C-alpha atoms as a PDB file:
ATOM      1  CA  MET A   1      73.160  92.043 115.137  1.00  0.00           C
ATOM      2  CA  THR A   2      74.724  94.469 117.605  1.00  0.00           C
ATOM      3  CA  GLU A   3      73.562  95.009 121.150  1.00  0.00           C
ATOM      4  CA  SER A   4      72.420  98.513 120.192  1.00  0.00           C
ATOM      5  CA  SER A   5      69.337  97.096 118.523  1.00  0.00           C
ATOM      6  CA  ILE A   6      68.179  95.196 121.612  1.00  0.00           C
ATOM      7  CA  ALA A   7      68.793  97.927 124.168  1.00  0.00           C
ATOM      8  CA  THR A   8      65.063  98.742 124.365  1.00  0.00           C
ATOM      9  CA  PRO A   9      61.949  96.565 124.716  1.00  0.00           C
ATOM     10  CA  LEU A  10      60.961  97.253 121.099  1.00  0.00           C
ATOM     11  CA  GLY A  11      64.469  96.424 119.926  1.00  0.00           C
ATOM     12  CA  ARG A  12      64.118  93.027 121.545  1.00  0.00           C
ATOM     13  CA  LYS A  13      60.673  92.437 120.032  1.00  0.00           C
ATOM     14  CA  LEU A  14      62.031  93.099 116.557  1.00  0.00           C
ATOM     15  CA  GLN A  15      64.341  90.092 116.877  1.00  0.00           C
ATOM     16  CA  ALA A  16      61.368  87.720 116.924  1.00  0.00           C
ATOM     17  CA  GLN A  17      59.973  86.165 113.776  1.00  0.00           C
ATOM     18  CA  ALA A  18      56.894  88.006 112.484  1.00  0.00           C
ATOM     19  CA  HIS A  19      53.659  86.029 112.712  1.00  0.00           C
ATOM     20  CA  GLY A  20      51.103  88.622 111.677  1.00  0.00           C
ATOM     21  CA  LEU A  21      50.672  92.328 112.244  1.00  0.00           C
ATOM     22  CA  THR A  22      51.180  93.651 115.773  1.00  0.00           C
ATOM     23  CA  LYS A  23      51.395  97.122 117.275  1.00  0.00           C
ATOM     24  CA  ALA A  24      55.131  96.606 117.787  1.00  0.00           C
ATOM     25  CA  ALA A  25      55.529  96.252 114.008  1.00  0.00           C
ATOM     26  CA  LEU A  26      54.205  99.774 113.315  1.00  0.00           C
ATOM     27  CA  MET A  27      56.435 102.855 113.150  1.00  0.00           C
ATOM     28  CA  TYR A  28      54.661 106.176 112.601  1.00  0.00           C
ATOM     29  CA  PRO A  29      56.420 108.775 110.399  1.00  0.00           C
ATOM     30  CA  ILE A  30      55.786 112.290 111.727  1.00  0.00           C
ATOM     31  CA  PHE A  31      56.787 115.734 110.474  1.00  0.00           C
ATOM     32  CA  ILE A  32      58.242 118.242 112.935  1.00  0.00           C
ATOM     33  CA  THR A  33      58.492 121.941 112.135  1.00  0.00           C
ATOM     34  CA  ASP A  34      60.500 124.602 113.942  1.00  0.00           C
ATOM     35  CA  VAL A  35      57.324 126.648 114.506  1.00  0.00           C
ATOM     36  CA  PRO A  36      56.604 125.467 118.074  1.00  0.00           C
ATOM     37  CA  ASP A  37      52.789 125.679 118.096  1.00  0.00           C
ATOM     38  CA  ALA A  38      52.170 124.603 114.488  1.00  0.00           C
ATOM     39  CA  LYS A  39      49.597 122.150 113.220  1.00  0.00           C
ATOM     40  CA  VAL A  40      49.676 122.449 109.432  1.00  0.00           C
ATOM     41  CA  PRO A  41      47.527 120.101 107.296  1.00  0.00           C
ATOM     42  CA  LEU A  42      49.317 118.390 104.419  1.00  0.00           C
ATOM     43  CA  GLY A  43      47.162 118.459 101.309  1.00  0.00           C
ATOM     44  CA  GLY A  44      48.739 115.434  99.627  1.00  0.00           C
ATOM     45  CA  LEU A  45      48.635 113.348 102.810  1.00  0.00           C
ATOM     46  CA  PRO A  46      45.076 113.185 104.176  1.00  0.00           C
ATOM     47  CA  ASN A  47      44.855 113.441 107.986  1.00  0.00           C
ATOM     48  CA  GLN A  48      48.586 114.185 108.326  1.00  0.00           C
ATOM     49  CA  TYR A  49      50.154 117.406 109.628  1.00  0.00           C
ATOM     50  CA  ARG A  50      53.365 119.227 110.311  1.00  0.00           C
ATOM     51  CA  TRP A  51      53.563 119.477 114.079  1.00  0.00           C
ATOM     52  CA  GLY A  52      55.319 121.976 116.301  1.00  0.00           C
ATOM     53  CA  VAL A  53      57.230 120.648 119.291  1.00  0.00           C
ATOM     54  CA  ASP A  54      54.839 122.290 121.758  1.00  0.00           C
ATOM     55  CA  ARG A  55      51.942 120.260 120.345  1.00  0.00           C
ATOM     56  CA  LEU A  56      53.581 116.835 120.377  1.00  0.00           C
ATOM     57  CA  GLU A  57      51.980 115.820 123.657  1.00  0.00           C
ATOM     58  CA  GLU A  58      48.508 116.729 122.364  1.00  0.00           C
ATOM     59  CA  PHE A  59      49.189 114.779 119.161  1.00  0.00           C
ATOM     60  CA  LEU A  60      50.871 111.648 120.460  1.00  0.00           C
ATOM     61  CA  ALA A  61      49.471 111.046 123.945  1.00  0.00           C
ATOM     62  CA  PRO A  62      46.218 109.485 122.628  1.00  0.00           C
ATOM     63  CA  LEU A  63      48.206 107.251 120.261  1.00  0.00           C
ATOM     64  CA  VAL A  64      50.623 106.141 122.973  1.00  0.00           C
ATOM     65  CA  ALA A  65      47.585 105.276 125.094  1.00  0.00           C
ATOM     66  CA  LYS A  66      46.373 103.075 122.210  1.00  0.00           C
ATOM     67  CA  GLY A  67      49.703 101.273 122.021  1.00  0.00           C
ATOM     68  CA  LEU A  68      51.940 103.344 119.746  1.00  0.00           C
ATOM     69  CA  GLN A  69      55.471 102.043 120.287  1.00  0.00           C
ATOM     70  CA  SER A  70      57.671 103.852 117.775  1.00  0.00           C
ATOM     71  CA  VAL A  71      57.929 106.964 115.618  1.00  0.00           C
ATOM     72  CA  ILE A  72      60.384 108.251 113.031  1.00  0.00           C
ATOM     73  CA  LEU A  73      60.979 111.998 112.879  1.00  0.00           C
ATOM     74  CA  PHE A  74      61.388 114.170 109.778  1.00  0.00           C
ATOM     75  CA  GLY A  75      62.402 117.792 110.310  1.00  0.00           C
ATOM     76  CA  VAL A  76      60.880 120.686 108.378  1.00  0.00           C
ATOM     77  CA  PRO A  77      62.822 123.919 108.991  1.00  0.00           C
ATOM     78  CA  GLU A  78      60.763 126.987 108.151  1.00  0.00           C
ATOM     79  CA  ARG A  79      62.198 129.865 110.152  1.00  0.00           C
ATOM     80  CA  LYS A  80      65.902 129.724 109.298  1.00  0.00           C
ATOM     81  CA  GLN A  81      67.790 129.968 106.015  1.00  0.00           C
ATOM     82  CA  LYS A  82      68.887 126.733 104.367  1.00  0.00           C
ATOM     83  CA  ASP A  83      72.425 126.422 103.016  1.00  0.00           C
ATOM     84  CA  ALA A  84      74.424 124.182 100.698  1.00  0.00           C
ATOM     85  CA  VAL A  85      75.606 121.738 103.380  1.00  0.00           C
ATOM     86  CA  GLY A  86      72.420 121.389 105.429  1.00  0.00           C
ATOM     87  CA  THR A  87      73.653 123.098 108.572  1.00  0.00           C
ATOM     88  CA  LEU A  88      70.116 123.112 109.965  1.00  0.00           C
ATOM     89  CA  ALA A  89      69.989 119.297 110.019  1.00  0.00           C
ATOM     90  CA  ASP A  90      71.848 119.097 113.331  1.00  0.00           C
ATOM     91  CA  ASP A  91      71.000 122.531 114.693  1.00  0.00           C
ATOM     92  CA  PRO A  92      70.678 122.001 118.487  1.00  0.00           C
ATOM     93  CA  GLU A  93      67.585 124.213 118.403  1.00  0.00           C
ATOM     94  CA  GLY A  94      66.227 122.636 115.222  1.00  0.00           C
ATOM     95  CA  PRO A  95      63.046 120.585 114.973  1.00  0.00           C
ATOM     96  CA  VAL A  96      64.476 117.069 115.172  1.00  0.00           C
ATOM     97  CA  ILE A  97      66.862 117.480 118.100  1.00  0.00           C
ATOM     98  CA  THR A  98      64.317 119.540 120.010  1.00  0.00           C
ATOM     99  CA  ALA A  99      61.622 116.917 119.351  1.00  0.00           C
ATOM    100  CA  ILE A 100      63.863 114.011 120.397  1.00  0.00           C
ATOM    101  CA  ARG A 101      64.543 115.628 123.762  1.00  0.00           C
ATOM    102  CA  LYS A 102      60.888 116.530 124.244  1.00  0.00           C
ATOM    103  CA  LEU A 103      59.634 113.056 123.398  1.00  0.00           C
ATOM    104  CA  ARG A 104      62.172 111.327 125.630  1.00  0.00           C
ATOM    105  CA  THR A 105      60.748 113.377 128.506  1.00  0.00           C
ATOM    106  CA  LEU A 106      57.069 113.077 127.605  1.00  0.00           C
ATOM    107  CA  PHE A 107      57.013 109.395 126.642  1.00  0.00           C
ATOM    108  CA  PRO A 108      59.959 107.495 128.173  1.00  0.00           C
ATOM    109  CA  GLY A 109      58.783 104.195 126.683  1.00  0.00           C
ATOM    110  CA  LEU A 110      58.414 105.469 123.111  1.00  0.00           C
ATOM    111  CA  TYR A 111      61.044 104.262 120.638  1.00  0.00           C
ATOM    112  CA  ILE A 112      62.329 107.267 118.694  1.00  0.00           C
ATOM    113  CA  ALA A 113      63.991 106.957 115.300  1.00  0.00           C
ATOM    114  CA  ALA A 114      65.327 109.959 113.403  1.00  0.00           C
ATOM    115  CA  ASP A 115      65.602 110.092 109.632  1.00  0.00           C
ATOM    116  CA  VAL A 116      69.091 111.174 108.583  1.00  0.00           C
ATOM    117  CA  CYS A 117      69.263 113.086 105.313  1.00  0.00           C
ATOM    118  CA  LEU A 118      70.172 116.546 104.051  1.00  0.00           C
ATOM    119  CA  CYS A 119      67.486 117.157 101.412  1.00  0.00           C
ATOM    120  CA  GLU A 120      65.086 118.933 103.810  1.00  0.00           C
ATOM    121  CA  TYR A 121      67.872 121.239 104.950  1.00  0.00           C
ATOM    122  CA  THR A 122      69.875 122.101 101.838  1.00  0.00           C
ATOM    123  CA  SER A 123      69.214 125.073  99.617  1.00  0.00           C
ATOM    124  CA  HIS A 124      69.471 122.804  96.546  1.00  0.00           C
ATOM    125  CA  GLY A 125      67.229 120.009  97.862  1.00  0.00           C
ATOM    126  CA  HIS A 126      69.660 117.171  97.203  1.00  0.00           C
ATOM    127  CA  CYS A 127      70.557 114.530  99.779  1.00  0.00           C
ATOM    128  CA  GLY A 128      74.270 115.279  99.961  1.00  0.00           C
ATOM    129  CA  VAL A 129      76.952 117.929  99.584  1.00  0.00           C
ATOM    130  CA  LEU A 130      77.601 118.986  95.975  1.00  0.00           C
ATOM    131  CA  PHE A 131      80.621 119.849  93.859  1.00  0.00           C
ATOM    132  CA  GLU A 132      80.484 123.152  92.011  1.00  0.00           C
ATOM    133  CA  ASP A 133      79.173 121.384  88.908  1.00  0.00           C
ATOM    134  CA  GLY A 134      76.163 120.080  90.847  1.00  0.00           C
ATOM    135  CA  THR A 135      77.290 116.461  91.178  1.00  0.00           C
ATOM    136  CA  ILE A 136      77.507 114.675  94.527  1.00  0.00           C
ATOM    137  CA  ASP A 137      80.680 115.001  96.604  1.00  0.00           C
ATOM    138  CA  ASN A 138      80.416 111.579  98.224  1.00  0.00           C
ATOM    139  CA  PRO A 139      83.206 111.856 100.860  1.00  0.00           C
ATOM    140  CA  LYS A 140      81.947 115.200 102.150  1.00  0.00           C
ATOM    141  CA  SER A 141      78.367 113.918 102.043  1.00  0.00           C
ATOM    142  CA  THR A 142      79.048 110.818 104.114  1.00  0.00           C
ATOM    143  CA  ALA A 143      81.064 112.807 106.646  1.00  0.00           C
ATOM    144  CA  ARG A 144      78.253 115.345 106.986  1.00  0.00           C
ATOM    145  CA  LEU A 145      75.623 112.620 107.362  1.00  0.00           C
ATOM    146  CA  ALA A 146      77.698 110.936 110.051  1.00  0.00           C
ATOM    147  CA  ASP A 147      77.857 114.206 111.990  1.00  0.00           C
ATOM    148  CA  VAL A 148      74.073 114.572 111.802  1.00  0.00           C
ATOM    149  CA  ALA A 149      73.449 110.968 112.880  1.00  0.00           C
ATOM    150  CA  VAL A 150      75.771 111.305 115.867  1.00  0.00           C
ATOM    151  CA  ALA A 151      74.043 114.542 116.898  1.00  0.00           C
ATOM    152  CA  TYR A 152      70.645 112.803 116.846  1.00  0.00           C
ATOM    153  CA  ALA A 153      72.000 109.863 118.809  1.00  0.00           C
ATOM    154  CA  ALA A 154      73.591 112.169 121.376  1.00  0.00           C
ATOM    155  CA  ALA A 155      70.238 113.949 121.771  1.00  0.00           C
ATOM    156  CA  GLY A 156      68.634 110.631 122.710  1.00  0.00           C
ATOM    157  CA  ALA A 157      67.402 108.966 119.503  1.00  0.00           C
ATOM    158  CA  HIS A 158      67.131 105.213 119.928  1.00  0.00           C
ATOM    159  CA  CYS A 159      67.693 104.737 116.206  1.00  0.00           C
ATOM    160  CA  VAL A 160      69.219 106.761 113.367  1.00  0.00           C
ATOM    161  CA  ALA A 161      67.998 106.019 109.852  1.00  0.00           C
ATOM    162  CA  PRO A 162      70.028 107.315 106.885  1.00  0.00           C
ATOM    163  CA  SER A 163      67.805 107.699 103.817  1.00  0.00           C
ATOM    164  CA  ASP A 164      70.247 109.499 101.523  1.00  0.00           C
ATOM    165  CA  MET A 165      71.671 106.497  99.612  1.00  0.00           C
ATOM    166  CA  MET A 166      75.241 107.837  99.540  1.00  0.00           C
ATOM    167  CA  ASP A 167      77.886 105.131  99.098  1.00  0.00           C
ATOM    168  CA  GLY A 168      79.641 104.234 102.333  1.00  0.00           C
ATOM    169  CA  ARG A 169      77.422 106.213 104.681  1.00  0.00           C
ATOM    170  CA  ILE A 170      76.594 103.216 106.900  1.00  0.00           C
ATOM    171  CA  ARG A 171      80.263 102.625 107.679  1.00  0.00           C
ATOM    172  CA  ALA A 172      80.813 106.352 108.252  1.00  0.00           C
ATOM    173  CA  ILE A 173      77.867 106.600 110.644  1.00  0.00           C
ATOM    174  CA  ARG A 174      78.836 103.415 112.476  1.00  0.00           C
ATOM    175  CA  ASP A 175      82.364 104.746 112.920  1.00  0.00           C
ATOM    176  CA  GLY A 176      80.974 108.047 114.186  1.00  0.00           C
ATOM    177  CA  LEU A 177      78.766 106.309 116.733  1.00  0.00           C
ATOM    178  CA  VAL A 178      81.724 104.242 117.933  1.00  0.00           C
ATOM    179  CA  ARG A 179      83.895 107.338 118.380  1.00  0.00           C
ATOM    180  CA  ALA A 180      81.107 109.045 120.319  1.00  0.00           C
ATOM    181  CA  ASN A 181      80.602 105.966 122.505  1.00  0.00           C
ATOM    182  CA  LEU A 182      76.998 105.728 121.317  1.00  0.00           C
ATOM    183  CA  VAL A 183      77.009 102.504 119.333  1.00  0.00           C
ATOM    184  CA  GLY A 184      75.630 100.506 122.276  1.00  0.00           C
ATOM    185  CA  LYS A 185      72.805 103.011 122.752  1.00  0.00           C
ATOM    186  CA  THR A 186      71.620 103.761 119.227  1.00  0.00           C
ATOM    187  CA  ALA A 187      70.583 101.372 116.465  1.00  0.00           C
ATOM    188  CA  LEU A 188      71.369 102.038 112.817  1.00  0.00           C
ATOM    189  CA  MET A 189      68.504 101.444 110.382  1.00  0.00           C
ATOM    190  CA  SER A 190      69.554 101.796 106.771  1.00  0.00           C
ATOM    191  CA  TYR A 191      67.317 102.653 103.852  1.00  0.00           C
ATOM    192  CA  SER A 192      69.284  99.972 102.026  1.00  0.00           C
ATOM    193  CA  ALA A 193      67.112  99.519  98.930  1.00  0.00           C
ATOM    194  CA  LYS A 194      65.545 102.911  98.242  1.00  0.00           C
ATOM    195  CA  PHE A 195      64.271 103.264  94.711  1.00  0.00           C
ATOM    196  CA  ALA A 196      63.916 106.377  92.549  1.00  0.00           C
ATOM    197  CA  SER A 197      60.151 106.160  92.707  1.00  0.00           C
ATOM    198  CA  SER A 198      57.268 108.224  91.373  1.00  0.00           C
ATOM    199  CA  MET A 199      55.511 107.727  94.711  1.00  0.00           C
ATOM    200  CA  TYR A 200      57.364 110.311  96.834  1.00  0.00           C
ATOM    201  CA  GLY A 201      55.476 113.411  95.694  1.00  0.00           C
ATOM    202  CA  PRO A 202      53.263 114.016  98.756  1.00  0.00           C
ATOM    203  CA  PHE A 203      56.254 113.531 101.082  1.00  0.00           C
ATOM    204  CA  ARG A 204      58.383 116.051  99.212  1.00  0.00           C
ATOM    205  CA  GLU A 205      55.536 118.529  99.473  1.00  0.00           C
ATOM    206  CA  ALA A 206      55.278 117.827 103.208  1.00  0.00           C
ATOM    207  CA  VAL A 207      58.944 118.524 103.937  1.00  0.00           C
ATOM    208  CA  GLY A 208      59.733 120.970 101.130  1.00  0.00           C
ATOM    209  CA  SER A 209      62.549 118.799  99.786  1.00  0.00           C
ATOM    210  CA  ALA A 210      62.036 118.738  96.016  1.00  0.00           C
ATOM    211  CA  PRO A 211      65.395 119.242  94.249  1.00  0.00           C
ATOM    212  CA  SER A 212      65.893 122.712  92.812  1.00  0.00           C
ATOM    213  CA  PHE A 213      67.514 121.129  89.738  1.00  0.00           C
ATOM    214  CA  GLY A 214      67.941 117.645  88.318  1.00  0.00           C
ATOM    215  CA  ASP A 215      66.668 114.589  90.185  1.00  0.00           C
ATOM    216  CA  ARG A 216      67.923 111.896  92.553  1.00  0.00           C
ATOM    217  CA  ARG A 217      68.293 109.077  90.073  1.00  0.00           C
ATOM    218  CA  CYS A 218      72.077 109.259  90.286  1.00  0.00           C
ATOM    219  CA  TYR A 219      71.999 107.954  93.873  1.00  0.00           C
ATOM    220  CA  GLN A 220      68.629 106.220  94.284  1.00  0.00           C
ATOM    221  CA  LEU A 221      68.048 102.840  92.658  1.00  0.00           C
ATOM    222  CA  PRO A 222      66.401 102.364  89.247  1.00  0.00           C
ATOM    223  CA  ALA A 223      63.042 100.607  89.479  1.00  0.00           C
ATOM    224  CA  ASN A 224      64.294  97.537  87.586  1.00  0.00           C
ATOM    225  CA  ALA A 225      67.610  97.224  89.471  1.00  0.00           C
ATOM    226  CA  ARG A 226      66.846  94.179  91.605  1.00  0.00           C
ATOM    227  CA  GLY A 227      70.443  92.972  91.463  1.00  0.00           C
ATOM    228  CA  LEU A 228      71.767  96.371  92.534  1.00  0.00           C
ATOM    229  CA  ALA A 229      69.283  96.384  95.411  1.00  0.00           C
ATOM    230  CA  ARG A 230      70.527  92.982  96.537  1.00  0.00           C
ATOM    231  CA  ARG A 231      74.121  94.211  96.490  1.00  0.00           C
ATOM    232  CA  ALA A 232      73.151  97.358  98.433  1.00  0.00           C
ATOM    233  CA  ILE A 233      71.507  95.238 101.132  1.00  0.00           C
ATOM    234  CA  GLN A 234      74.563  93.026 101.421  1.00  0.00           C
ATOM    235  CA  ARG A 235      76.858  96.074 101.542  1.00  0.00           C
ATOM    236  CA  ASP A 236      74.902  97.717 104.346  1.00  0.00           C
ATOM    237  CA  VAL A 237      74.863  94.532 106.405  1.00  0.00           C
ATOM    238  CA  LYS A 238      78.651  94.291 106.057  1.00  0.00           C
ATOM    239  CA  GLU A 239      79.086  97.961 106.979  1.00  0.00           C
ATOM    240  CA  GLY A 240      77.175  97.551 110.233  1.00  0.00           C
ATOM    241  CA  ALA A 241      73.474  98.261 109.710  1.00  0.00           C
ATOM    242  CA  ASP A 242      71.305  96.852 112.498  1.00  0.00           C
ATOM    243  CA  ILE A 243      68.044  97.046 110.526  1.00  0.00           C
ATOM    244  CA  ILE A 244      67.672  97.146 106.748  1.00  0.00           C
ATOM    245  CA  MET A 245      64.835  98.813 104.877  1.00  0.00           C
ATOM    246  CA  VAL A 246      63.143  98.579 101.495  1.00  0.00           C
ATOM    247  CA  LYS A 247      61.368 101.685 100.164  1.00  0.00           C
ATOM    248  CA  PRO A 248      58.700 101.976  98.699  1.00  0.00           C
ATOM    249  CA  GLY A 249      56.687  99.030  99.952  1.00  0.00           C
ATOM    250  CA  MET A 250      54.117  97.252  97.792  1.00  0.00           C
ATOM    251  CA  PRO A 251      55.796  97.833  94.389  1.00  0.00           C
ATOM    252  CA  TYR A 252      58.994  96.240  95.738  1.00  0.00           C
ATOM    253  CA  LEU A 253      57.818  93.244  97.748  1.00  0.00           C
ATOM    254  CA  ASP A 254      60.097  91.004  95.677  1.00  0.00           C
ATOM    255  CA  VAL A 255      63.070  93.005  96.981  1.00  0.00           C
ATOM    256  CA  LEU A 256      61.745  92.700 100.531  1.00  0.00           C
ATOM    257  CA  GLY A 257      61.641  88.957  99.958  1.00  0.00           C
ATOM    258  CA  ASP A 258      65.259  89.127  98.767  1.00  0.00           C
ATOM    259  CA  ALA A 259      66.154  90.987 101.969  1.00  0.00           C
ATOM    260  CA  ARG A 260      64.722  88.119 104.018  1.00  0.00           C
ATOM    261  CA  GLU A 261      67.013  85.773 102.108  1.00  0.00           C
ATOM    262  CA  LEU A 262      70.110  87.996 102.237  1.00  0.00           C
ATOM    263  CA  ALA A 263      69.756  89.177 105.847  1.00  0.00           C
ATOM    264  CA  PRO A 264      67.777  86.469 107.636  1.00  0.00           C
ATOM    265  CA  ASP A 265      69.150  87.435 111.031  1.00  0.00           C
ATOM    266  CA  HIS A 266      68.396  91.165 110.726  1.00  0.00           C
ATOM    267  CA  PRO A 267      65.094  92.915 111.357  1.00  0.00           C
ATOM    268  CA  ARG A 268      63.689  94.116 108.031  1.00  0.00           C
ATOM    269  CA  ALA A 269      61.765  97.352 107.667  1.00  0.00           C
ATOM    270  CA  VAL A 270      59.593  98.506 104.796  1.00  0.00           C
ATOM    271  CA  TYR A 271      58.327 102.044 104.202  1.00  0.00           C
ATOM    272  CA  GLN A 272      54.784 102.363 102.879  1.00  0.00           C
ATOM    273  CA  VAL A 273      55.479 105.719 101.288  1.00  0.00           C
ATOM    274  CA  SER A 274      53.325 108.801 100.859  1.00  0.00           C
ATOM    275  CA  GLY A 275      52.184 107.892  97.343  1.00  0.00           C
ATOM    276  CA  GLU A 276      50.998 104.476  98.494  1.00  0.00           C
ATOM    277  CA  TYR A 277      49.099 106.088 101.371  1.00  0.00           C
ATOM    278  CA  SER A 278      47.469 108.723  99.188  1.00  0.00           C
ATOM    279  CA  THR A 279      46.572 106.180  96.493  1.00  0.00           C
ATOM    280  CA  ILE A 280      44.701 103.999  98.976  1.00  0.00           C
ATOM    281  CA  HIS A 281      42.842 107.026 100.308  1.00  0.00           C
ATOM    282  CA  ALA A 282      41.900 108.112  96.783  1.00  0.00           C
ATOM    283  CA  ALA A 283      40.773 104.636  95.745  1.00  0.00           C
ATOM    284  CA  ALA A 284      38.565 104.253  98.815  1.00  0.00           C
ATOM    285  CA  ALA A 285      37.109 107.741  98.338  1.00  0.00           C
ATOM    286  CA  ALA A 286      36.272 106.862  94.725  1.00  0.00           C
ATOM    287  CA  GLY A 287      34.344 103.790  95.863  1.00  0.00           C
ATOM    288  CA  VAL A 288      36.778 101.294  94.396  1.00  0.00           C
ATOM    289  CA  GLY A 289      36.757  99.259  97.606  1.00  0.00           C
ATOM    290  CA  ASP A 290      36.635  99.275 101.389  1.00  0.00           C
ATOM    291  CA  PHE A 291      39.216 101.531 103.045  1.00  0.00           C
ATOM    292  CA  ARG A 292      40.032  99.225 105.950  1.00  0.00           C
ATOM    293  CA  SER A 293      40.297  96.215 103.669  1.00  0.00           C
ATOM    294  CA  PHE A 294      42.735  98.059 101.396  1.00  0.00           C
ATOM    295  CA  VAL A 295      44.945  99.037 104.322  1.00  0.00           C
ATOM    296  CA  GLU A 296      44.911  95.668 106.038  1.00  0.00           C
ATOM    297  CA  GLU A 297      45.655  93.808 102.810  1.00  0.00           C
ATOM    298  CA  SER A 298      48.652  96.071 102.179  1.00  0.00           C
ATOM    299  CA  MET A 299      49.936  95.285 105.672  1.00  0.00           C
ATOM    300  CA  THR A 300      49.439  91.559 105.171  1.00  0.00           C
ATOM    301  CA  SER A 301      51.436  91.635 101.938  1.00  0.00           C
ATOM    302  CA  MET A 302      54.395  93.302 103.630  1.00  0.00           C
ATOM    303  CA  ILE A 303      54.409  90.954 106.619  1.00  0.00           C
ATOM    304  CA  ARG A 304      54.141  87.980 104.246  1.00  0.00           C
ATOM    305  CA  ALA A 305      57.120  89.244 102.231  1.00  0.00           C
ATOM    306  CA  GLY A 306      59.277  89.397 105.352  1.00  0.00           C
ATOM    307  CA  ALA A 307      58.793  92.745 107.101  1.00  0.00           C
ATOM    308  CA  SER A 308      59.529  92.987 110.814  1.00  0.00           C
ATOM    309  CA  LEU A 309      58.735  96.701 110.945  1.00  0.00           C
ATOM    310  CA  ILE A 310      56.386  98.776 108.751  1.00  0.00           C
ATOM    311  CA  LEU A 311      56.692 102.540 108.507  1.00  0.00           C
ATOM    312  CA  THR A 312      53.186 103.694 107.669  1.00  0.00           C
ATOM    313  CA  TYR A 313      50.998 106.789 107.926  1.00  0.00           C
ATOM    314  CA  PHE A 314      48.090 104.437 108.614  1.00  0.00           C
ATOM    315  CA  THR A 315      49.476 103.722 112.094  1.00  0.00           C
ATOM    316  CA  PRO A 316      46.702 105.595 113.986  1.00  0.00           C
ATOM    317  CA  GLU A 317      43.959 103.629 112.222  1.00  0.00           C
ATOM    318  CA  LEU A 318      45.795 100.341 112.623  1.00  0.00           C
ATOM    319  CA  LEU A 319      46.292 100.857 116.354  1.00  0.00           C
ATOM    320  CA  GLN A 320      42.515 101.173 116.636  1.00  0.00           C
ATOM    321  CA  TRP A 321      41.721  98.278 114.314  1.00  0.00           C
ATOM    322  CA  LEU A 322      44.081  95.902 116.095  1.00  0.00           C
ATOM    323  CA  ASP A 323      41.893  96.386 119.168  1.00  0.00           C
ATOM    324  CA  GLU A 324      38.760  95.807 117.077  1.00  0.00           C
ATOM    325  CA  PRO A 325      39.347  92.600 115.118  1.00  0.00           C
ATOM    326  CA  ARG A 326      36.818  91.766 112.465  1.00  0.00           C
ATOM    327  CA  PRO A 327      34.534  88.772 113.013  1.00  0.00           C
ATOM    328  CA  ALA A 328      35.990  85.543 111.629  1.00  0.00           C
END
């Protein structure tokens, strides 16, 4: 574990063993657009929005007051033209870098992670740079991702989180942070075991990142590839990841349990993805069961499997519920 991960109060809390759900264990994924005053509802994600930078204080101040401790930012460029190499990903005037700087000013105690990927910013919708035949150019992809991660770290992100699944990107990003003298200031959270899941649909709608051709199965993990997931976790630990992540959450709790075995000294994150969130909403709306019970049981399962940190769109509700415990 490098000192970068314990440079903030939340970073230190994540080193402790999890003994139930706490506010420190919740990281809220939020979508930032380059339309400054935007608040755009996301049809596939009930109660979630794309937010403009000028409305972040309105959005987050009540949650910070309730105990929100961390967010992860996803950029949604709408005003500028995308290109083949994702130039907009590290645009100094783009949504993520602008939001990082704004949030560091507005909420000095808020832990800010930034998702690092190219799919939201490329004209083709894939997570890396492509050869002319449409296949992934891995060396150019990892170099580009490292540049983006360093730009986010330089802007003030406490954590950079590559979600692309390109081979070798953790080492490339770590090397980039070292060269920029940022490794002691910015943690590296890897989406180590990210599966090619059917549960990403609402997210891709939210950020406009669906591939224009093909799919991402050539670089995301097959659903039955538990052994490959174990090797990916071990690889990322060796390459310098400070936090490892499993994504999606509930369908892959066995892999999260493997992560606890393989990386017992690392904080472990799990992403309760958009499809999981929307499914719980739909089930509760259909009268299948109690909404709060569904959500809390999903959280319990992830903590039990070994999560130190849960990325979930249910964070606002959970912040409230943690202050309103149910009678024993």
